[in-house]
Amino acid sequence: MTSQEMDGALSAMARGSSLLLRECESERRRMEELNALSEAAIERRIEDQGSVYEADSVLLSVRLALATSCAKGHRDAAREFVCWWLDAALGSVRRIM
């Protein structure tokens, strides 16, 4: 692999890493937003003695669980991809030296 090809490959990995990290952050924000809504709903139920089995409450719980799972999946994938990119970058530096 030539230096230019290596630069191109590393640049593509860096762009992919950046994209994954932005997506990861977006999923984390969504999870936090749903968590805040869930906590507010819990407070309202405590004050009003509402039921935890209302459709909106259950739907919010399901959405929060999905968002949490998605955020964790994105975080793990981003970490793995960034580590792979770093390993490839270090390997190319070693090869050049």
PDB file of N, CA and C in Angstrom:
ATOM      1  N   MET A   1       0.850  -1.170   0.000  1.00  0.00           N
ATOM      2  CA  MET A   1       0.000   0.000   0.000  1.00  0.00           C
ATOM      3  C   MET A   1       0.903   1.243   0.000  1.00  0.00           C
ATOM      4  N   THR A   2       0.625   2.154  -0.911  1.00  0.00           N
ATOM      5  CA  THR A   2       1.423   3.372  -0.980  1.00  0.00           C
ATOM      6  C   THR A   2       1.036   4.332   0.146  1.00  0.00           C
ATOM      7  N   SER A   3       1.855   5.344   0.333  1.00  0.00           N
ATOM      8  CA  SER A   3       1.570   6.350   1.362  1.00  0.00           C
ATOM      9  C   SER A   3       0.253   7.060   1.073  1.00  0.00           C
ATOM     10  N   GLN A   4       0.008   7.359  -0.189  1.00  0.00           N
ATOM     11  CA  GLN A   4      -1.247   8.026  -0.552  1.00  0.00           C
ATOM     12  C   GLN A   4      -2.447   7.119  -0.295  1.00  0.00           C
ATOM     13  N   GLU A   5      -2.316   5.860  -0.626  1.00  0.00           N
ATOM     14  CA  GLU A   5      -3.412   4.915  -0.360  1.00  0.00           C
ATOM     15  C   GLU A   5      -3.652   4.782   1.135  1.00  0.00           C
ATOM     16  N   MET A   6      -2.565   4.737   1.908  1.00  0.00           N
ATOM     17  CA  MET A   6      -2.685   4.642   3.360  1.00  0.00           C
ATOM     18  C   MET A   6      -3.362   5.889   3.913  1.00  0.00           C
ATOM     19  N   ASP A   7      -2.960   7.070   3.420  1.00  0.00           N
ATOM     20  CA  ASP A   7      -3.594   8.313   3.855  1.00  0.00           C
ATOM     21  C   ASP A   7      -5.088   8.303   3.540  1.00  0.00           C
ATOM     22  N   GLY A   8      -5.423   7.829   2.347  1.00  0.00           N
ATOM     23  CA  GLY A   8      -6.835   7.756   1.957  1.00  0.00           C
ATOM     24  C   GLY A   8      -7.623   6.822   2.855  1.00  0.00           C
ATOM     25  N   ALA A   9      -7.051   5.669   3.142  1.00  0.00           N
ATOM     26  CA  ALA A   9      -7.734   4.695   4.009  1.00  0.00           C
ATOM     27  C   ALA A   9      -7.905   5.250   5.421  1.00  0.00           C
ATOM     28  N   LEU A  10      -6.854   5.863   5.950  1.00  0.00           N
ATOM     29  CA  LEU A  10      -6.935   6.424   7.302  1.00  0.00           C
ATOM     30  C   LEU A  10      -7.914   7.593   7.354  1.00  0.00           C
ATOM     31  N   SER A  11      -7.956   8.390   6.300  1.00  0.00           N
ATOM     32  CA  SER A  11      -8.920   9.498   6.246  1.00  0.00           C
ATOM     33  C   SER A  11     -10.352   8.978   6.225  1.00  0.00           C
ATOM     34  N   ALA A  12     -10.574   7.919   5.466  1.00  0.00           N
ATOM     35  CA  ALA A  12     -11.914   7.322   5.416  1.00  0.00           C
ATOM     36  C   ALA A  12     -12.310   6.772   6.791  1.00  0.00           C
ATOM     37  N   MET A  13     -11.367   6.142   7.475  1.00  0.00           N
ATOM     38  CA  MET A  13     -11.646   5.629   8.821  1.00  0.00           C
ATOM     39  C   MET A  13     -11.920   6.775   9.789  1.00  0.00           C
ATOM     40  N   ALA A  14     -11.189   7.872   9.646  1.00  0.00           N
ATOM     41  CA  ALA A  14     -11.412   9.029  10.516  1.00  0.00           C
ATOM     42  C   ALA A  14     -12.794   9.622  10.273  1.00  0.00           C
ATOM     43  N   ARG A  15     -13.205   9.716   9.016  1.00  0.00           N
ATOM     44  CA  ARG A  15     -14.551  10.223   8.710  1.00  0.00           C
ATOM     45  C   ARG A  15     -15.610   9.290   9.286  1.00  0.00           C
ATOM     46  N   GLY A  16     -15.397   7.995   9.143  1.00  0.00           N
ATOM     47  CA  GLY A  16     -16.339   7.025   9.715  1.00  0.00           C
ATOM     48  C   GLY A  16     -16.408   7.138  11.223  1.00  0.00           C
ATOM     49  N   SER A  17     -15.269   7.313  11.857  1.00  0.00           N
ATOM     50  CA  SER A  17     -15.235   7.465  13.316  1.00  0.00           C
ATOM     51  C   SER A  17     -16.000   8.698  13.745  1.00  0.00           C
ATOM     52  N   SER A  18     -15.777   9.786  13.042  1.00  0.00           N
ATOM     53  CA  SER A  18     -16.463  11.043  13.366  1.00  0.00           C
ATOM     54  C   SER A  18     -17.980  10.888  13.224  1.00  0.00           C
ATOM     55  N   LEU A  19     -18.403  10.245  12.151  1.00  0.00           N
ATOM     56  CA  LEU A  19     -19.832  10.016  11.931  1.00  0.00           C
ATOM     57  C   LEU A  19     -20.422   9.144  13.027  1.00  0.00           C
ATOM     58  N   LEU A  20     -19.748   8.059  13.353  1.00  0.00           N
ATOM     59  CA  LEU A  20     -20.239   7.170  14.406  1.00  0.00           C
ATOM     60  C   LEU A  20     -20.323   7.887  15.754  1.00  0.00           C
ATOM     61  N   LEU A  21     -19.340   8.711  16.059  1.00  0.00           N
ATOM     62  CA  LEU A  21     -19.357   9.435  17.324  1.00  0.00           C
ATOM     63  C   LEU A  21     -20.506  10.445  17.368  1.00  0.00           C
ATOM     64  N   ARG A  22     -20.805  11.099  16.241  1.00  0.00           N
ATOM     65  CA  ARG A  22     -21.954  12.028  16.202  1.00  0.00           C
ATOM     66  C   ARG A  22     -23.259  11.265  16.382  1.00  0.00           C
ATOM     67  N   GLU A  23     -23.378  10.119  15.725  1.00  0.00           N
ATOM     68  CA  GLU A  23     -24.587   9.302  15.879  1.00  0.00           C
ATOM     69  C   GLU A  23     -24.721   8.806  17.309  1.00  0.00           C
ATOM     70  N   CYS A  24     -23.611   8.423  17.894  1.00  0.00           N
ATOM     71  CA  CYS A  24     -23.599   7.957  19.280  1.00  0.00           C
ATOM     72  C   CYS A  24     -24.105   9.065  20.207  1.00  0.00           C
ATOM     73  N   GLU A  25     -23.632  10.273  20.003  1.00  0.00           N
ATOM     74  CA  GLU A  25     -24.048  11.408  20.819  1.00  0.00           C
ATOM     75  C   GLU A  25     -25.534  11.700  20.634  1.00  0.00           C
ATOM     76  N   SER A  26     -26.015  11.595  19.420  1.00  0.00           N
ATOM     77  CA  SER A  26     -27.431  11.817  19.137  1.00  0.00           C
ATOM     78  C   SER A  26     -28.297  10.787  19.875  1.00  0.00           C
ATOM     79  N   GLU A  27     -27.887   9.537  19.833  1.00  0.00           N
ATOM     80  CA  GLU A  27     -28.638   8.477  20.525  1.00  0.00           C
ATOM     81  C   GLU A  27     -28.596   8.666  22.044  1.00  0.00           C
ATOM     82  N   ARG A  28     -27.457   9.134  22.560  1.00  0.00           N
ATOM     83  CA  ARG A  28     -27.341   9.387  23.997  1.00  0.00           C
ATOM     84  C   ARG A  28     -28.281  10.514  24.413  1.00  0.00           C
ATOM     85  N   ARG A  29     -28.349  11.573  23.599  1.00  0.00           N
ATOM     86  CA  ARG A  29     -29.259  12.682  23.908  1.00  0.00           C
ATOM     87  C   ARG A  29     -30.707  12.223  23.897  1.00  0.00           C
ATOM     88  N   ARG A  30     -31.063  11.401  22.921  1.00  0.00           N
ATOM     89  CA  ARG A  30     -32.445  10.892  22.858  1.00  0.00           C
ATOM     90  C   ARG A  30     -32.769  10.080  24.106  1.00  0.00           C
ATOM     91  N   MET A  31     -31.832   9.241  24.517  1.00  0.00           N
ATOM     92  CA  MET A  31     -32.035   8.441  25.718  1.00  0.00           C
ATOM     93  C   MET A  31     -32.236   9.353  26.939  1.00  0.00           C
ATOM     94  N   GLU A  32     -31.419  10.389  27.054  1.00  0.00           N
ATOM     95  CA  GLU A  32     -31.533  11.301  28.187  1.00  0.00           C
ATOM     96  C   GLU A  32     -32.852  12.068  28.165  1.00  0.00           C
ATOM     97  N   GLU A  33     -33.303  12.471  26.969  1.00  0.00           N
ATOM     98  CA  GLU A  33     -34.587  13.160  26.854  1.00  0.00           C
ATOM     99  C   GLU A  33     -35.735  12.269  27.304  1.00  0.00           C
ATOM    100  N   LEU A  34     -35.728  11.026  26.843  1.00  0.00           N
ATOM    101  CA  LEU A  34     -36.781  10.091  27.242  1.00  0.00           C
ATOM    102  C   LEU A  34     -36.699   9.769  28.722  1.00  0.00           C
ATOM    103  N   ASN A  35     -35.483   9.691  29.256  1.00  0.00           N
ATOM    104  CA  ASN A  35     -35.323   9.439  30.680  1.00  0.00           C
ATOM    105  C   ASN A  35     -35.898  10.600  31.502  1.00  0.00           C
ATOM    106  N   ALA A  36     -35.663  11.827  31.057  1.00  0.00           N
ATOM    107  CA  ALA A  36     -36.218  12.992  31.752  1.00  0.00           C
ATOM    108  C   ALA A  36     -37.740  12.973  31.702  1.00  0.00           C
ATOM    109  N   LEU A  37     -38.297  12.614  30.551  1.00  0.00           N
ATOM    110  CA  LEU A  37     -39.756  12.499  30.448  1.00  0.00           C
ATOM    111  C   LEU A  37     -40.285  11.408  31.376  1.00  0.00           C
ATOM    112  N   SER A  38     -39.573  10.302  31.441  1.00  0.00           N
ATOM    113  CA  SER A  38     -39.978   9.200  32.305  1.00  0.00           C
ATOM    114  C   SER A  38     -39.951   9.613  33.773  1.00  0.00           C
ATOM    115  N   GLU A  39     -38.895  10.303  34.168  1.00  0.00           N
ATOM    116  CA  GLU A  39     -38.798  10.754  35.559  1.00  0.00           C
ATOM    117  C   GLU A  39     -39.895  11.752  35.889  1.00  0.00           C
ATOM    118  N   ALA A  40     -40.213  12.645  34.947  1.00  0.00           N
ATOM    119  CA  ALA A  40     -41.303  13.605  35.166  1.00  0.00           C
ATOM    120  C   ALA A  40     -42.633  12.877  35.295  1.00  0.00           C
ATOM    121  N   ALA A  41     -42.836  11.847  34.485  1.00  0.00           N
ATOM    122  CA  ALA A  41     -44.081  11.072  34.558  1.00  0.00           C
ATOM    123  C   ALA A  41     -44.183  10.345  35.896  1.00  0.00           C
ATOM    124  N   ILE A  42     -43.076   9.845  36.390  1.00  0.00           N
ATOM    125  CA  ILE A  42     -43.066   9.175  37.691  1.00  0.00           C
ATOM    126  C   ILE A  42     -43.450  10.169  38.784  1.00  0.00           C
ATOM    127  N   GLU A  43     -42.890  11.367  38.726  1.00  0.00           N
ATOM    128  CA  GLU A  43     -43.226  12.404  39.709  1.00  0.00           C
ATOM    129  C   GLU A  43     -44.716  12.740  39.652  1.00  0.00           C
ATOM    130  N   ARG A  44     -45.265  12.863  38.435  1.00  0.00           N
ATOM    131  CA  ARG A  44     -46.699  13.161  38.303  1.00  0.00           C
ATOM    132  C   ARG A  44     -47.544  12.035  38.882  1.00  0.00           C
ATOM    133  N   ARG A  45     -47.124  10.789  38.637  1.00  0.00           N
ATOM    134  CA  ARG A  45     -47.885   9.656  39.178  1.00  0.00           C
ATOM    135  C   ARG A  45     -47.837   9.656  40.698  1.00  0.00           C
ATOM    136  N   ILE A  46     -46.705  10.004  41.257  1.00  0.00           N
ATOM    137  CA  ILE A  46     -46.572  10.053  42.718  1.00  0.00           C
ATOM    138  C   ILE A  46     -47.508  11.110  43.282  1.00  0.00           C
ATOM    139  N   GLU A  47     -47.527  12.274  42.642  1.00  0.00           N
ATOM    140  CA  GLU A  47     -48.373  13.366  43.124  1.00  0.00           C
ATOM    141  C   GLU A  47     -49.847  13.071  42.930  1.00  0.00           C
ATOM    142  N   ASP A  48     -50.204  12.505  41.775  1.00  0.00           N
ATOM    143  CA  ASP A  48     -51.608  12.269  41.435  1.00  0.00           C
ATOM    144  C   ASP A  48     -52.091  10.878  41.799  1.00  0.00           C
ATOM    145  N   GLN A  49     -51.175  10.029  42.269  1.00  0.00           N
ATOM    146  CA  GLN A  49     -51.506   8.639  42.551  1.00  0.00           C
ATOM    147  C   GLN A  49     -52.039   7.938  41.302  1.00  0.00           C
ATOM    148  N   GLY A  50     -51.454   8.289  40.156  1.00  0.00           N
ATOM    149  CA  GLY A  50     -51.870   7.682  38.892  1.00  0.00           C
ATOM    150  C   GLY A  50     -51.378   6.245  38.775  1.00  0.00           C
ATOM    151  N   SER A  51     -51.883   5.581  37.773  1.00  0.00           N
ATOM    152  CA  SER A  51     -51.546   4.184  37.534  1.00  0.00           C
ATOM    153  C   SER A  51     -50.291   4.070  36.674  1.00  0.00           C
ATOM    154  N   VAL A  52     -49.448   3.104  36.991  1.00  0.00           N
ATOM    155  CA  VAL A  52     -48.255   2.844  36.176  1.00  0.00           C
ATOM    156  C   VAL A  52     -48.615   2.070  34.912  1.00  0.00           C
ATOM    157  N   TYR A  53     -49.862   1.651  34.790  1.00  0.00           N
ATOM    158  CA  TYR A  53     -50.269   0.836  33.651  1.00  0.00           C
ATOM    159  C   TYR A  53     -51.030   1.631  32.588  1.00  0.00           C
ATOM    160  N   GLU A  54     -50.981   2.951  32.658  1.00  0.00           N
ATOM    161  CA  GLU A  54     -51.589   3.756  31.610  1.00  0.00           C
ATOM    162  C   GLU A  54     -50.805   3.552  30.322  1.00  0.00           C
ATOM    163  N   ALA A  55     -51.504   3.590  29.206  1.00  0.00           N
ATOM    164  CA  ALA A  55     -50.867   3.313  27.912  1.00  0.00           C
ATOM    165  C   ALA A  55     -49.684   4.244  27.651  1.00  0.00           C
ATOM    166  N   ASP A  56     -49.837   5.525  27.937  1.00  0.00           N
ATOM    167  CA  ASP A  56     -48.743   6.474  27.692  1.00  0.00           C
ATOM    168  C   ASP A  56     -47.529   6.151  28.544  1.00  0.00           C
ATOM    169  N   SER A  57     -47.757   5.746  29.769  1.00  0.00           N
ATOM    170  CA  SER A  57     -46.663   5.409  30.673  1.00  0.00           C
ATOM    171  C   SER A  57     -45.910   4.174  30.187  1.00  0.00           C
ATOM    172  N   VAL A  58     -46.658   3.173  29.774  1.00  0.00           N
ATOM    173  CA  VAL A  58     -46.042   1.942  29.272  1.00  0.00           C
ATOM    174  C   VAL A  58     -45.286   2.228  27.974  1.00  0.00           C
ATOM    175  N   LEU A  59     -45.883   3.016  27.088  1.00  0.00           N
ATOM    176  CA  LEU A  59     -45.226   3.372  25.828  1.00  0.00           C
ATOM    177  C   LEU A  59     -43.916   4.114  26.096  1.00  0.00           C
ATOM    178  N   LEU A  60     -43.932   5.039  27.033  1.00  0.00           N
ATOM    179  CA  LEU A  60     -42.717   5.772  27.374  1.00  0.00           C
ATOM    180  C   LEU A  60     -41.647   4.831  27.913  1.00  0.00           C
ATOM    181  N   SER A  61     -42.050   3.873  28.729  1.00  0.00           N
ATOM    182  CA  SER A  61     -41.092   2.896  29.256  1.00  0.00           C
ATOM    183  C   SER A  61     -40.479   2.060  28.137  1.00  0.00           C
ATOM    184  N   VAL A  62     -41.290   1.660  27.197  1.00  0.00           N
ATOM    185  CA  VAL A  62     -40.800   0.866  26.064  1.00  0.00           C
ATOM    186  C   VAL A  62     -39.838   1.700  25.216  1.00  0.00           C
ATOM    187  N   ARG A  63     -40.219   2.932  24.932  1.00  0.00           N
ATOM    188  CA  ARG A  63     -39.364   3.809  24.134  1.00  0.00           C
ATOM    189  C   ARG A  63     -38.041   4.081  24.840  1.00  0.00           C
ATOM    190  N   LEU A  64     -38.086   4.271  26.161  1.00  0.00           N
ATOM    191  CA  LEU A  64     -36.858   4.506  26.917  1.00  0.00           C
ATOM    192  C   LEU A  64     -35.963   3.267  26.879  1.00  0.00           C
ATOM    193  N   ALA A  65     -36.549   2.101  27.033  1.00  0.00           N
ATOM    194  CA  ALA A  65     -35.758   0.864  26.977  1.00  0.00           C
ATOM    195  C   ALA A  65     -35.100   0.701  25.603  1.00  0.00           C
ATOM    196  N   LEU A  66     -35.843   0.986  24.549  1.00  0.00           N
ATOM    197  CA  LEU A  66     -35.278   0.899  23.199  1.00  0.00           C
ATOM    198  C   LEU A  66     -34.171   1.934  22.990  1.00  0.00           C
ATOM    199  N   ALA A  67     -34.410   3.147  23.462  1.00  0.00           N
ATOM    200  CA  ALA A  67     -33.404   4.204  23.308  1.00  0.00           C
ATOM    201  C   ALA A  67     -32.143   3.870  24.092  1.00  0.00           C
ATOM    202  N   THR A  68     -32.303   3.301  25.277  1.00  0.00           N
ATOM    203  CA  THR A  68     -31.149   2.919  26.092  1.00  0.00           C
ATOM    204  C   THR A  68     -30.340   1.835  25.400  1.00  0.00           C
ATOM    205  N   SER A  69     -31.034   0.841  24.882  1.00  0.00           N
ATOM    206  CA  SER A  69     -30.362  -0.241  24.164  1.00  0.00           C
ATOM    207  C   SER A  69     -29.650   0.294  22.923  1.00  0.00           C
ATOM    208  N   CYS A  70     -30.305   1.165  22.197  1.00  0.00           N
ATOM    209  CA  CYS A  70     -29.726   1.737  20.984  1.00  0.00           C
ATOM    210  C   CYS A  70     -28.508   2.597  21.323  1.00  0.00           C
ATOM    211  N   ALA A  71     -28.610   3.406  22.366  1.00  0.00           N
ATOM    212  CA  ALA A  71     -27.483   4.262  22.769  1.00  0.00           C
ATOM    213  C   ALA A  71     -26.283   3.416  23.178  1.00  0.00           C
ATOM    214  N   LYS A  72     -26.529   2.354  23.929  1.00  0.00           N
ATOM    215  CA  LYS A  72     -25.432   1.472  24.333  1.00  0.00           C
ATOM    216  C   LYS A  72     -24.817   0.775  23.123  1.00  0.00           C
ATOM    217  N   GLY A  73     -25.646   0.338  22.195  1.00  0.00           N
ATOM    218  CA  GLY A  73     -25.144  -0.302  20.982  1.00  0.00           C
ATOM    219  C   GLY A  73     -24.294   0.652  20.159  1.00  0.00           C
ATOM    220  N   HIS A  74     -24.763   1.883  19.994  1.00  0.00           N
ATOM    221  CA  HIS A  74     -23.984   2.884  19.260  1.00  0.00           C
ATOM    222  C   HIS A  74     -22.670   3.186  19.975  1.00  0.00           C
ATOM    223  N   ARG A  75     -22.725   3.310  21.293  1.00  0.00           N
ATOM    224  CA  ARG A  75     -21.508   3.599  22.058  1.00  0.00           C
ATOM    225  C   ARG A  75     -20.482   2.485  21.873  1.00  0.00           C
ATOM    226  N   ASP A  76     -20.930   1.246  22.012  1.00  0.00           N
ATOM    227  CA  ASP A  76     -20.017   0.107  21.867  1.00  0.00           C
ATOM    228  C   ASP A  76     -19.442   0.020  20.457  1.00  0.00           C
ATOM    229  N   ALA A  77     -20.298   0.220  19.453  1.00  0.00           N
ATOM    230  CA  ALA A  77     -19.832   0.163  18.064  1.00  0.00           C
ATOM    231  C   ALA A  77     -18.842   1.290  17.779  1.00  0.00           C
ATOM    232  N   ALA A  78     -19.131   2.474  18.281  1.00  0.00           N
ATOM    233  CA  ALA A  78     -18.222   3.603  18.057  1.00  0.00           C
ATOM    234  C   ALA A  78     -16.874   3.347  18.712  1.00  0.00           C
ATOM    235  N   ARG A  79     -16.895   2.832  19.915  1.00  0.00           N
ATOM    236  CA  ARG A  79     -15.631   2.529  20.601  1.00  0.00           C
ATOM    237  C   ARG A  79     -14.817   1.498  19.832  1.00  0.00           C
ATOM    238  N   GLU A  80     -15.480   0.445  19.361  1.00  0.00           N
ATOM    239  CA  GLU A  80     -14.777  -0.594  18.613  1.00  0.00           C
ATOM    240  C   GLU A  80     -14.197  -0.043  17.316  1.00  0.00           C
ATOM    241  N   PHE A  81     -14.992   0.771  16.610  1.00  0.00           N
ATOM    242  CA  PHE A  81     -14.523   1.316  15.343  1.00  0.00           C
ATOM    243  C   PHE A  81     -13.354   2.268  15.561  1.00  0.00           C
ATOM    244  N   VAL A  82     -13.458   3.133  16.562  1.00  0.00           N
ATOM    245  CA  VAL A  82     -12.378   4.081  16.841  1.00  0.00           C
ATOM    246  C   VAL A  82     -11.112   3.327  17.252  1.00  0.00           C
ATOM    247  N   CYS A  83     -11.257   2.282  18.046  1.00  0.00           N
ATOM    248  CA  CYS A  83     -10.082   1.477  18.425  1.00  0.00           C
ATOM    249  C   CYS A  83      -9.457   0.818  17.207  1.00  0.00           C
ATOM    250  N   TRP A  84     -10.284   0.317  16.313  1.00  0.00           N
ATOM    251  CA  TRP A  84      -9.784  -0.301  15.090  1.00  0.00           C
ATOM    252  C   TRP A  84      -9.038   0.737  14.259  1.00  0.00           C
ATOM    253  N   TRP A  85      -9.631   1.941  14.123  1.00  0.00           N
ATOM    254  CA  TRP A  85      -8.994   3.016  13.368  1.00  0.00           C
ATOM    255  C   TRP A  85      -7.654   3.389  13.997  1.00  0.00           C
ATOM    256  N   LEU A  86      -7.624   3.513  15.315  1.00  0.00           N
ATOM    257  CA  LEU A  86      -6.385   3.858  16.008  1.00  0.00           C
ATOM    258  C   LEU A  86      -5.324   2.781  15.791  1.00  0.00           C
ATOM    259  N   ASP A  87      -5.729   1.524  15.877  1.00  0.00           N
ATOM    260  CA  ASP A  87      -4.795   0.424  15.649  1.00  0.00           C
ATOM    261  C   ASP A  87      -4.227   0.483  14.228  1.00  0.00           C
ATOM    262  N   ALA A  88      -5.083   0.759  13.265  1.00  0.00           N
ATOM    263  CA  ALA A  88      -4.617   0.854  11.878  1.00  0.00           C
ATOM    264  C   ALA A  88      -3.684   2.050  11.703  1.00  0.00           C
ATOM    265  N   ALA A  89      -4.018   3.170  12.349  1.00  0.00           N
ATOM    266  CA  ALA A  89      -3.166   4.363  12.245  1.00  0.00           C
ATOM    267  C   ALA A  89      -1.802   4.113  12.849  1.00  0.00           C
ATOM    268  N   LEU A  90      -1.778   3.496  14.015  1.00  0.00           N
ATOM    269  CA  LEU A  90      -0.489   3.204  14.661  1.00  0.00           C
ATOM    270  C   LEU A  90       0.314   2.212  13.838  1.00  0.00           C
ATOM    271  N   GLY A  91      -0.362   1.241  13.274  1.00  0.00           N
ATOM    272  CA  GLY A  91       0.322   0.268  12.425  1.00  0.00           C
ATOM    273  C   GLY A  91       0.944   0.919  11.203  1.00  0.00           C
ATOM    274  N   SER A  92       0.239   1.899  10.626  1.00  0.00           N
ATOM    275  CA  SER A  92       0.789   2.574   9.452  1.00  0.00           C
ATOM    276  C   SER A  92       1.964   3.454   9.825  1.00  0.00           C
ATOM    277  N   VAL A  93       1.925   4.064  11.003  1.00  0.00           N
ATOM    278  CA  VAL A  93       3.054   4.877  11.453  1.00  0.00           C
ATOM    279  C   VAL A  93       4.272   3.989  11.662  1.00  0.00           C
ATOM    280  N   ARG A  94       4.080   2.846  12.269  1.00  0.00           N
ATOM    281  CA  ARG A  94       5.182   1.912  12.484  1.00  0.00           C
ATOM    282  C   ARG A  94       5.783   1.448  11.160  1.00  0.00           C
ATOM    283  N   ARG A  95       4.909   1.245  10.182  1.00  0.00           N
ATOM    284  CA  ARG A  95       5.352   0.768   8.873  1.00  0.00           C
ATOM    285  C   ARG A  95       6.207   1.841   8.173  1.00  0.00           C
ATOM    286  N   ILE A  96       5.839   3.101   8.383  1.00  0.00           N
ATOM    287  CA  ILE A  96       6.569   4.204   7.757  1.00  0.00           C
ATOM    288  C   ILE A  96       7.942   4.369   8.398  1.00  0.00           C
ATOM    289  N   MET A  97       8.019   4.170   9.680  1.00  0.00           N
ATOM    290  CA  MET A  97       9.276   4.390  10.402  1.00  0.00           C
ATOM    291  C   MET A  97      10.197   3.272  10.191  1.00  0.00           C
TER     292      MET A  97
END
